[in-house]
PDB file of N, CA and C in Angstrom:
ATOM      1  N   MET A   1       2.623   1.562   2.318  1.00  0.00           N
ATOM      2  CA  MET A   1       3.050   1.537   0.927  1.00  0.00           C
ATOM      3  C   MET A   1       1.925   2.085   0.060  1.00  0.00           C
ATOM      4  N   TYR A   2       2.298   2.894  -0.911  1.00  0.00           N
ATOM      5  CA  TYR A   2       1.349   3.466  -1.867  1.00  0.00           C
ATOM      6  C   TYR A   2       1.541   2.780  -3.215  1.00  0.00           C
ATOM      7  N   GLN A   3       0.455   2.694  -3.961  1.00  0.00           N
ATOM      8  CA  GLN A   3       0.498   2.092  -5.289  1.00  0.00           C
ATOM      9  C   GLN A   3      -0.233   2.994  -6.275  1.00  0.00           C
ATOM     10  N   VAL A   4       0.327   3.063  -7.470  1.00  0.00           N
ATOM     11  CA  VAL A   4      -0.345   3.709  -8.580  1.00  0.00           C
ATOM     12  C   VAL A   4      -0.619   2.606  -9.598  1.00  0.00           C
ATOM     13  N   PHE A   5      -1.880   2.478  -9.975  1.00  0.00           N
ATOM     14  CA  PHE A   5      -2.309   1.446 -10.923  1.00  0.00           C
ATOM     15  C   PHE A   5      -2.811   2.106 -12.195  1.00  0.00           C
ATOM     16  N   LEU A   6      -2.449   1.530 -13.320  1.00  0.00           N
ATOM     17  CA  LEU A   6      -3.073   1.852 -14.597  1.00  0.00           C
ATOM     18  C   LEU A   6      -3.949   0.669 -14.967  1.00  0.00           C
ATOM     19  N   THR A   7      -5.167   0.950 -15.379  1.00  0.00           N
ATOM     20  CA  THR A   7      -6.101  -0.116 -15.721  1.00  0.00           C
ATOM     21  C   THR A   7      -6.663   0.113 -17.121  1.00  0.00           C
ATOM     22  N   LYS A   8      -7.152  -0.966 -17.710  1.00  0.00           N
ATOM     23  CA  LYS A   8      -7.845  -0.893 -18.996  1.00  0.00           C
ATOM     24  C   LYS A   8      -8.911  -1.977 -18.984  1.00  0.00           C
ATOM     25  N   GLY A   9     -10.157  -1.563 -19.207  1.00  0.00           N
ATOM     26  CA  GLY A   9     -11.217  -2.551 -19.195  1.00  0.00           C
ATOM     27  C   GLY A   9     -12.583  -1.959 -19.445  1.00  0.00           C
ATOM     28  N   GLU A  10     -13.592  -2.781 -19.222  1.00  0.00           N
ATOM     29  CA  GLU A  10     -14.962  -2.421 -19.559  1.00  0.00           C
ATOM     30  C   GLU A  10     -15.685  -1.614 -18.494  1.00  0.00           C
ATOM     31  N   TYR A  11     -15.008  -1.292 -17.412  1.00  0.00           N
ATOM     32  CA  TYR A  11     -15.639  -0.424 -16.415  1.00  0.00           C
ATOM     33  C   TYR A  11     -14.604   0.488 -15.769  1.00  0.00           C
ATOM     34  N   GLU A  12     -15.102   1.555 -15.142  1.00  0.00           N
ATOM     35  CA  GLU A  12     -14.236   2.529 -14.518  1.00  0.00           C
ATOM     36  C   GLU A  12     -13.510   1.905 -13.320  1.00  0.00           C
ATOM     37  N   PRO A  13     -12.346   2.427 -12.958  1.00  0.00           N
ATOM     38  CA  PRO A  13     -11.513   1.762 -11.946  1.00  0.00           C
ATOM     39  C   PRO A  13     -12.078   1.774 -10.525  1.00  0.00           C
ATOM     40  N   TRP A  14     -13.041   2.618 -10.233  1.00  0.00           N
ATOM     41  CA  TRP A  14     -13.522   2.719  -8.854  1.00  0.00           C
ATOM     42  C   TRP A  14     -14.559   1.665  -8.477  1.00  0.00           C
ATOM     43  N   TRP A  15     -14.931   0.803  -9.375  1.00  0.00           N
ATOM     44  CA  TRP A  15     -15.928  -0.201  -9.034  1.00  0.00           C
ATOM     45  C   TRP A  15     -15.353  -1.328  -8.181  1.00  0.00           C
ATOM     46  N   PHE A  16     -14.099  -1.635  -8.299  1.00  0.00           N
ATOM     47  CA  PHE A  16     -13.442  -2.658  -7.482  1.00  0.00           C
ATOM     48  C   PHE A  16     -14.242  -3.968  -7.411  1.00  0.00           C
ATOM     49  N   PHE A  17     -14.698  -4.415  -8.577  1.00  0.00           N
ATOM     50  CA  PHE A  17     -15.328  -5.740  -8.619  1.00  0.00           C
ATOM     51  C   PHE A  17     -14.273  -6.787  -8.266  1.00  0.00           C
ATOM     52  N   ASP A  18     -14.713  -8.006  -7.975  1.00  0.00           N
ATOM     53  CA  ASP A  18     -13.782  -9.051  -7.546  1.00  0.00           C
ATOM     54  C   ASP A  18     -12.605  -9.241  -8.501  1.00  0.00           C
ATOM     55  N   ASP A  19     -12.841  -8.990  -9.779  1.00  0.00           N
ATOM     56  CA  ASP A  19     -11.786  -9.204 -10.767  1.00  0.00           C
ATOM     57  C   ASP A  19     -11.023  -7.928 -11.130  1.00  0.00           C
ATOM     58  N   TRP A  20     -11.094  -6.877 -10.305  1.00  0.00           N
ATOM     59  CA  TRP A  20     -10.507  -5.591 -10.682  1.00  0.00           C
ATOM     60  C   TRP A  20      -9.016  -5.689 -10.995  1.00  0.00           C
ATOM     61  N   LYS A  21      -8.308  -6.596 -10.347  1.00  0.00           N
ATOM     62  CA  LYS A  21      -6.864  -6.699 -10.590  1.00  0.00           C
ATOM     63  C   LYS A  21      -6.546  -7.262 -11.972  1.00  0.00           C
ATOM     64  N   THR A  22      -7.519  -7.921 -12.600  1.00  0.00           N
ATOM     65  CA  THR A  22      -7.281  -8.420 -13.965  1.00  0.00           C
ATOM     66  C   THR A  22      -7.247  -7.275 -14.977  1.00  0.00           C
ATOM     67  N   LEU A  23      -7.746  -6.106 -14.590  1.00  0.00           N
ATOM     68  CA  LEU A  23      -7.730  -4.942 -15.466  1.00  0.00           C
ATOM     69  C   LEU A  23      -6.426  -4.151 -15.364  1.00  0.00           C
ATOM     70  N   VAL A  24      -5.585  -4.485 -14.392  1.00  0.00           N
ATOM     71  CA  VAL A  24      -4.343  -3.739 -14.160  1.00  0.00           C
ATOM     72  C   VAL A  24      -3.350  -4.047 -15.278  1.00  0.00           C
ATOM     73  N   ILE A  25      -2.872  -2.977 -15.915  1.00  0.00           N
ATOM     74  CA  ILE A  25      -1.849  -3.151 -16.950  1.00  0.00           C
ATOM     75  C   ILE A  25      -0.480  -2.681 -16.461  1.00  0.00           C
ATOM     76  N   LYS A  26      -0.470  -1.896 -15.368  1.00  0.00           N
ATOM     77  CA  LYS A  26       0.794  -1.461 -14.783  1.00  0.00           C
ATOM     78  C   LYS A  26       0.567  -1.098 -13.326  1.00  0.00           C
ATOM     79  N   LYS A  27       1.544  -1.452 -12.487  1.00  0.00           N
ATOM     80  CA  LYS A  27       1.494  -1.112 -11.064  1.00  0.00           C
ATOM     81  C   LYS A  27       2.847  -0.546 -10.674  1.00  0.00           C
ATOM     82  N   VAL A  28       2.827   0.587  -9.973  1.00  0.00           N
ATOM     83  CA  VAL A  28       4.055   1.208  -9.484  1.00  0.00           C
ATOM     84  C   VAL A  28       3.932   1.310  -7.966  1.00  0.00           C
ATOM     85  N   ASP A  29       4.863   0.680  -7.253  1.00  0.00           N
ATOM     86  CA  ASP A  29       4.906   0.775  -5.795  1.00  0.00           C
ATOM     87  C   ASP A  29       5.737   1.985  -5.403  1.00  0.00           C
ATOM     88  N   CYS A  30       5.247   2.728  -4.414  1.00  0.00           N
ATOM     89  CA  CYS A  30       5.934   3.931  -3.940  1.00  0.00           C
ATOM     90  C   CYS A  30       6.006   3.882  -2.422  1.00  0.00           C
ATOM     91  N   SER A  31       7.110   4.349  -1.879  1.00  0.00           N
ATOM     92  CA  SER A  31       7.292   4.276  -0.427  1.00  0.00           C
ATOM     93  C   SER A  31       6.610   5.415   0.315  1.00  0.00           C
ATOM     94  N   ASN A  32       6.263   6.515  -0.391  1.00  0.00           N
ATOM     95  CA  ASN A  32       5.611   7.627   0.293  1.00  0.00           C
ATOM     96  C   ASN A  32       4.587   8.293  -0.625  1.00  0.00           C
ATOM     97  N   PHE A  33       3.733   9.093  -0.025  1.00  0.00           N
ATOM     98  CA  PHE A  33       2.650   9.733  -0.770  1.00  0.00           C
ATOM     99  C   PHE A  33       3.170  10.699  -1.823  1.00  0.00           C
ATOM    100  N   LYS A  34       4.194  11.471  -1.498  1.00  0.00           N
ATOM    101  CA  LYS A  34       4.725  12.461  -2.439  1.00  0.00           C
ATOM    102  C   LYS A  34       5.175  11.798  -3.735  1.00  0.00           C
ATOM    103  N   GLU A  35       5.920  10.727  -3.630  1.00  0.00           N
ATOM    104  CA  GLU A  35       6.376   9.991  -4.810  1.00  0.00           C
ATOM    105  C   GLU A  35       5.187   9.423  -5.582  1.00  0.00           C
ATOM    106  N   ALA A  36       4.248   8.824  -4.878  1.00  0.00           N
ATOM    107  CA  ALA A  36       3.073   8.233  -5.524  1.00  0.00           C
ATOM    108  C   ALA A  36       2.248   9.312  -6.226  1.00  0.00           C
ATOM    109  N   HIS A  37       2.107  10.458  -5.592  1.00  0.00           N
ATOM    110  CA  HIS A  37       1.331  11.544  -6.187  1.00  0.00           C
ATOM    111  C   HIS A  37       1.989  12.036  -7.477  1.00  0.00           C
ATOM    112  N   GLN A  38       3.297  12.116  -7.509  1.00  0.00           N
ATOM    113  CA  GLN A  38       4.007  12.526  -8.718  1.00  0.00           C
ATOM    114  C   GLN A  38       3.775  11.528  -9.858  1.00  0.00           C
ATOM    115  N   VAL A  39       3.863  10.243  -9.546  1.00  0.00           N
ATOM    116  CA  VAL A  39       3.626   9.200 -10.548  1.00  0.00           C
ATOM    117  C   VAL A  39       2.182   9.279 -11.042  1.00  0.00           C
ATOM    118  N   TYR A  40       1.253   9.434 -10.107  1.00  0.00           N
ATOM    119  CA  TYR A  40      -0.169   9.540 -10.450  1.00  0.00           C
ATOM    120  C   TYR A  40      -0.420  10.724 -11.384  1.00  0.00           C
ATOM    121  N   GLU A  41       0.150  11.865 -11.064  1.00  0.00           N
ATOM    122  CA  GLU A  41      -0.040  13.063 -11.889  1.00  0.00           C
ATOM    123  C   GLU A  41       0.574  12.885 -13.274  1.00  0.00           C
ATOM    124  N   GLN A  42       1.718  12.212 -13.341  1.00  0.00           N
ATOM    125  CA  GLN A  42       2.358  11.953 -14.636  1.00  0.00           C
ATOM    126  C   GLN A  42       1.448  11.098 -15.516  1.00  0.00           C
ATOM    127  N   TYR A  43       0.932   9.994 -14.967  1.00  0.00           N
ATOM    128  CA  TYR A  43       0.047   9.124 -15.745  1.00  0.00           C
ATOM    129  C   TYR A  43      -1.271   9.815 -16.077  1.00  0.00           C
ATOM    130  N   SER A  44      -1.783  10.605 -15.158  1.00  0.00           N
ATOM    131  CA  SER A  44      -3.021  11.350 -15.420  1.00  0.00           C
ATOM    132  C   SER A  44      -2.836  12.305 -16.586  1.00  0.00           C
ATOM    133  N   SER A  45      -1.705  12.979 -16.612  1.00  0.00           N
ATOM    134  CA  SER A  45      -1.414  13.919 -17.684  1.00  0.00           C
ATOM    135  C   SER A  45      -1.301  13.198 -19.028  1.00  0.00           C
ATOM    136  N   GLU A  46      -0.618  12.054 -19.044  1.00  0.00           N
ATOM    137  CA  GLU A  46      -0.479  11.279 -20.276  1.00  0.00           C
ATOM    138  C   GLU A  46      -1.832  10.805 -20.802  1.00  0.00           C
ATOM    139  N   LEU A  47      -2.669  10.280 -19.905  1.00  0.00           N
ATOM    140  CA  LEU A  47      -3.987   9.797 -20.324  1.00  0.00           C
ATOM    141  C   LEU A  47      -4.872  10.949 -20.780  1.00  0.00           C
ATOM    142  N   SER A  48      -4.774  12.063 -20.086  1.00  0.00           N
ATOM    143  CA  SER A  48      -5.578  13.236 -20.428  1.00  0.00           C
ATOM    144  C   SER A  48      -5.243  13.757 -21.822  1.00  0.00           C
ATOM    145  N   SER A  49      -3.989  13.628 -22.223  1.00  0.00           N
ATOM    146  CA  SER A  49      -3.594  14.102 -23.548  1.00  0.00           C
ATOM    147  C   SER A  49      -4.035  13.147 -24.659  1.00  0.00           C
ATOM    148  N   ARG A  50      -4.326  11.888 -24.323  1.00  0.00           N
ATOM    149  CA  ARG A  50      -4.714  10.898 -25.334  1.00  0.00           C
ATOM    150  C   ARG A  50      -6.220  10.679 -25.441  1.00  0.00           C
ATOM    151  N   TYR A  51      -6.960  10.949 -24.374  1.00  0.00           N
ATOM    152  CA  TYR A  51      -8.391  10.634 -24.359  1.00  0.00           C
ATOM    153  C   TYR A  51      -9.203  11.894 -24.067  1.00  0.00           C
ATOM    154  N   PRO A  52     -10.223  12.177 -24.867  1.00  0.00           N
ATOM    155  CA  PRO A  52     -10.970  13.425 -24.723  1.00  0.00           C
ATOM    156  C   PRO A  52     -11.937  13.457 -23.535  1.00  0.00           C
ATOM    157  N   PHE A  53     -12.314  12.295 -23.020  1.00  0.00           N
ATOM    158  CA  PHE A  53     -13.282  12.268 -21.922  1.00  0.00           C
ATOM    159  C   PHE A  53     -12.619  11.763 -20.646  1.00  0.00           C
ATOM    160  N   GLN A  54     -13.018  12.370 -19.544  1.00  0.00           N
ATOM    161  CA  GLN A  54     -12.496  11.926 -18.250  1.00  0.00           C
ATOM    162  C   GLN A  54     -13.529  12.147 -17.159  1.00  0.00           C
ATOM    163  N   LYS A  55     -13.441  11.302 -16.134  1.00  0.00           N
ATOM    164  CA  LYS A  55     -14.325  11.434 -14.977  1.00  0.00           C
ATOM    165  C   LYS A  55     -13.526  11.052 -13.733  1.00  0.00           C
ATOM    166  N   ASN A  56     -13.715  11.841 -12.683  1.00  0.00           N
ATOM    167  CA  ASN A  56     -13.075  11.563 -11.394  1.00  0.00           C
ATOM    168  C   ASN A  56     -14.117  11.048 -10.425  1.00  0.00           C
ATOM    169  N   LYS A  57     -13.776  10.009  -9.692  1.00  0.00           N
ATOM    170  CA  LYS A  57     -14.670   9.531  -8.638  1.00  0.00           C
ATOM    171  C   LYS A  57     -14.241  10.130  -7.307  1.00  0.00           C
ATOM    172  N   THR A  58     -12.961  10.129  -7.059  1.00  0.00           N
ATOM    173  CA  THR A  58     -12.353  10.773  -5.896  1.00  0.00           C
ATOM    174  C   THR A  58     -11.136  11.517  -6.437  1.00  0.00           C
ATOM    175  N   PRO A  59     -10.425  12.250  -5.615  1.00  0.00           N
ATOM    176  CA  PRO A  59      -9.229  12.927  -6.153  1.00  0.00           C
ATOM    177  C   PRO A  59      -8.194  11.974  -6.753  1.00  0.00           C
ATOM    178  N   PHE A  60      -8.242  10.690  -6.413  1.00  0.00           N
ATOM    179  CA  PHE A  60      -7.200   9.771  -6.864  1.00  0.00           C
ATOM    180  C   PHE A  60      -7.726   8.539  -7.607  1.00  0.00           C
ATOM    181  N   LEU A  61      -8.914   8.660  -8.169  1.00  0.00           N
ATOM    182  CA  LEU A  61      -9.489   7.615  -9.029  1.00  0.00           C
ATOM    183  C   LEU A  61     -10.061   8.299 -10.261  1.00  0.00           C
ATOM    184  N   LYS A  62      -9.429   8.073 -11.421  1.00  0.00           N
ATOM    185  CA  LYS A  62      -9.859   8.732 -12.647  1.00  0.00           C
ATOM    186  C   LYS A  62     -10.032   7.715 -13.759  1.00  0.00           C
ATOM    187  N   ALA A  63     -10.988   7.996 -14.633  1.00  0.00           N
ATOM    188  CA  ALA A  63     -11.220   7.180 -15.819  1.00  0.00           C
ATOM    189  C   ALA A  63     -11.129   8.081 -17.049  1.00  0.00           C
ATOM    190  N   TYR A  64     -10.583   7.531 -18.117  1.00  0.00           N
ATOM    191  CA  TYR A  64     -10.431   8.231 -19.384  1.00  0.00           C
ATOM    192  C   TYR A  64     -10.957   7.335 -20.490  1.00  0.00           C
ATOM    193  N   TRP A  65     -11.517   7.941 -21.541  1.00  0.00           N
ATOM    194  CA  TRP A  65     -12.008   7.145 -22.657  1.00  0.00           C
ATOM    195  C   TRP A  65     -12.237   8.023 -23.878  1.00  0.00           C
ATOM    196  N   CYS A  66     -12.386   7.344 -25.009  1.00  0.00           N
ATOM    197  CA  CYS A  66     -12.833   7.991 -26.237  1.00  0.00           C
ATOM    198  C   CYS A  66     -13.947   7.110 -26.794  1.00  0.00           C
ATOM    199  N   GLU A  67     -14.891   7.734 -27.446  1.00  0.00           N
ATOM    200  CA  GLU A  67     -16.073   7.010 -27.908  1.00  0.00           C
ATOM    201  C   GLU A  67     -15.751   5.950 -28.955  1.00  0.00           C
ATOM    202  N   GLU A  68     -14.634   6.095 -29.649  1.00  0.00           N
ATOM    203  CA  GLU A  68     -14.289   5.153 -30.711  1.00  0.00           C
ATOM    204  C   GLU A  68     -13.694   3.849 -30.181  1.00  0.00           C
ATOM    205  N   GLU A  69     -13.226   3.816 -28.958  1.00  0.00           N
ATOM    206  CA  GLU A  69     -12.570   2.614 -28.437  1.00  0.00           C
ATOM    207  C   GLU A  69     -13.601   1.704 -27.761  1.00  0.00           C
ATOM    208  N   MET A  70     -14.060   0.751 -28.552  1.00  0.00           N
ATOM    209  CA  MET A  70     -15.074  -0.187 -28.091  1.00  0.00           C
ATOM    210  C   MET A  70     -14.567  -1.601 -28.360  1.00  0.00           C
ATOM    211  N   GLU A  71     -15.103  -2.556 -27.621  1.00  0.00           N
ATOM    212  CA  GLU A  71     -14.828  -3.968 -27.878  1.00  0.00           C
ATOM    213  C   GLU A  71     -16.155  -4.705 -27.898  1.00  0.00           C
ATOM    214  N   TYR A  72     -16.212  -5.712 -28.725  1.00  0.00           N
ATOM    215  CA  TYR A  72     -17.434  -6.496 -28.812  1.00  0.00           C
ATOM    216  C   TYR A  72     -17.485  -7.497 -27.669  1.00  0.00           C
ATOM    217  N   CYS A  73     -18.607  -7.545 -26.983  1.00  0.00           N
ATOM    218  CA  CYS A  73     -18.838  -8.472 -25.875  1.00  0.00           C
ATOM    219  C   CYS A  73     -19.725  -9.600 -26.406  1.00  0.00           C
ATOM    220  N   GLU A  74     -19.154 -10.792 -26.483  1.00  0.00           N
ATOM    221  CA  GLU A  74     -19.919 -11.919 -27.015  1.00  0.00           C
ATOM    222  C   GLU A  74     -21.083 -12.297 -26.107  1.00  0.00           C
ATOM    223  N   SER A  75     -20.872 -12.278 -24.797  1.00  0.00           N
ATOM    224  CA  SER A  75     -21.935 -12.699 -23.886  1.00  0.00           C
ATOM    225  C   SER A  75     -23.110 -11.727 -23.869  1.00  0.00           C
ATOM    226  N   CYS A  76     -22.838 -10.435 -24.073  1.00  0.00           N
ATOM    227  CA  CYS A  76     -23.945  -9.472 -24.095  1.00  0.00           C
ATOM    228  C   CYS A  76     -24.338  -9.079 -25.517  1.00  0.00           C
ATOM    229  N   GLU A  77     -23.615  -9.602 -26.510  1.00  0.00           N
ATOM    230  CA  GLU A  77     -23.897  -9.359 -27.914  1.00  0.00           C
ATOM    231  C   GLU A  77     -24.027  -7.871 -28.241  1.00  0.00           C
ATOM    232  N   ASP A  78     -23.050  -7.101 -27.749  1.00  0.00           N
ATOM    233  CA  ASP A  78     -23.064  -5.664 -27.978  1.00  0.00           C
ATOM    234  C   ASP A  78     -21.644  -5.122 -27.826  1.00  0.00           C
ATOM    235  N   ASP A  79     -21.432  -3.924 -28.352  1.00  0.00           N
ATOM    236  CA  ASP A  79     -20.158  -3.247 -28.146  1.00  0.00           C
ATOM    237  C   ASP A  79     -20.157  -2.608 -26.763  1.00  0.00           C
ATOM    238  N   ILE A  80     -18.996  -2.634 -26.113  1.00  0.00           N
ATOM    239  CA  ILE A  80     -18.876  -2.002 -24.801  1.00  0.00           C
ATOM    240  C   ILE A  80     -17.722  -1.005 -24.832  1.00  0.00           C
ATOM    241  N   GLN A  81     -17.894   0.055 -24.074  1.00  0.00           N
ATOM    242  CA  GLN A  81     -16.879   1.104 -23.974  1.00  0.00           C
ATOM    243  C   GLN A  81     -15.668   0.575 -23.222  1.00  0.00           C
ATOM    244  N   ILE A  82     -14.476   0.974 -23.659  1.00  0.00           N
ATOM    245  CA  ILE A  82     -13.242   0.638 -22.945  1.00  0.00           C
ATOM    246  C   ILE A  82     -12.785   1.872 -22.176  1.00  0.00           C
ATOM    247  N   PHE A  83     -12.465   1.676 -20.905  1.00  0.00           N
ATOM    248  CA  PHE A  83     -12.004   2.748 -20.034  1.00  0.00           C
ATOM    249  C   PHE A  83     -10.550   2.521 -19.645  1.00  0.00           C
ATOM    250  N   HIS A  84      -9.813   3.615 -19.564  1.00  0.00           N
ATOM    251  CA  HIS A  84      -8.438   3.592 -19.067  1.00  0.00           C
ATOM    252  C   HIS A  84      -8.470   4.308 -17.724  1.00  0.00           C
ATOM    253  N   GLY A  85      -7.942   3.675 -16.703  1.00  0.00           N
ATOM    254  CA  GLY A  85      -8.000   4.255 -15.378  1.00  0.00           C
ATOM    255  C   GLY A  85      -6.634   4.468 -14.779  1.00  0.00           C
ATOM    256  N   VAL A  86      -6.575   5.419 -13.870  1.00  0.00           N
ATOM    257  CA  VAL A  86      -5.390   5.628 -13.041  1.00  0.00           C
ATOM    258  C   VAL A  86      -5.882   5.770 -11.605  1.00  0.00           C
ATOM    259  N   MET A  87      -5.211   5.062 -10.704  1.00  0.00           N
ATOM    260  CA  MET A  87      -5.631   5.056  -9.296  1.00  0.00           C
ATOM    261  C   MET A  87      -4.400   5.212  -8.410  1.00  0.00           C
ATOM    262  N   LEU A  88      -4.532   5.999  -7.374  1.00  0.00           N
ATOM    263  CA  LEU A  88      -3.512   6.076  -6.335  1.00  0.00           C
ATOM    264  C   LEU A  88      -4.147   5.479  -5.084  1.00  0.00           C
ATOM    265  N   LEU A  89      -3.584   4.387  -4.619  1.00  0.00           N
ATOM    266  CA  LEU A  89      -4.128   3.676  -3.459  1.00  0.00           C
ATOM    267  C   LEU A  89      -3.085   3.584  -2.353  1.00  0.00           C
ATOM    268  N   HIS A  90      -3.561   3.342  -1.152  1.00  0.00           N
ATOM    269  CA  HIS A  90      -2.688   3.111  -0.010  1.00  0.00           C
ATOM    270  C   HIS A  90      -2.956   1.687   0.476  1.00  0.00           C
ATOM    271  N   ASP A  91      -1.949   0.840   0.416  1.00  0.00           N
ATOM    272  CA  ASP A  91      -2.102  -0.580   0.763  1.00  0.00           C
ATOM    273  C   ASP A  91      -3.275  -1.215  -0.007  1.00  0.00           C
ATOM    274  N   GLU A  92      -3.364  -0.834  -1.287  1.00  0.00           N
ATOM    275  CA  GLU A  92      -4.394  -1.307  -2.213  1.00  0.00           C
ATOM    276  C   GLU A  92      -5.816  -1.004  -1.755  1.00  0.00           C
ATOM    277  N   GLN A  93      -5.959   0.063  -0.995  1.00  0.00           N
ATOM    278  CA  GLN A  93      -7.270   0.533  -0.540  1.00  0.00           C
ATOM    279  C   GLN A  93      -7.441   1.994  -0.990  1.00  0.00           C
ATOM    280  N   ILE A  94      -8.691   2.419  -1.135  1.00  0.00           N
ATOM    281  CA  ILE A  94      -8.970   3.801  -1.509  1.00  0.00           C
ATOM    282  C   ILE A  94      -8.375   4.740  -0.473  1.00  0.00           C
ATOM    283  N   LEU A  95      -7.729   5.762  -0.958  1.00  0.00           N
ATOM    284  CA  LEU A  95      -7.050   6.740  -0.106  1.00  0.00           C
ATOM    285  C   LEU A  95      -8.079   7.617   0.598  1.00  0.00           C
ATOM    286  N   GLU A  96      -8.024   7.643   1.899  1.00  0.00           N
ATOM    287  CA  GLU A  96      -8.919   8.497   2.696  1.00  0.00           C
ATOM    288  C   GLU A  96      -8.168   9.767   3.066  1.00  0.00           C
ATOM    289  N   LEU A  97      -8.703  10.913   2.654  1.00  0.00           N
ATOM    290  CA  LEU A  97      -8.059  12.193   2.965  1.00  0.00           C
ATOM    291  C   LEU A  97      -8.859  12.989   3.947  1.00  0.00           C
TER     292      LEU A  97
END
């Protein structure tokens, strides 16, 4: 099973910290790679049109952001950048090609 995840949070989606699933704002399950890739490309295109900055970690892990979207972190007493991510995973693991 393939999954496409949309994330929003204080770090890029490829870090996979213990709490990474708390950043998920949408999950789409797909039965095959072709379907998942189409969904991934659709979300990538949408995010790319809304956010001026992007970075790829692998072909299927991307982060998008704009410098104006910040949130105040009380514990660190500073503003932190908000990242929007899109990930295509296989059985919730990084896709190995």
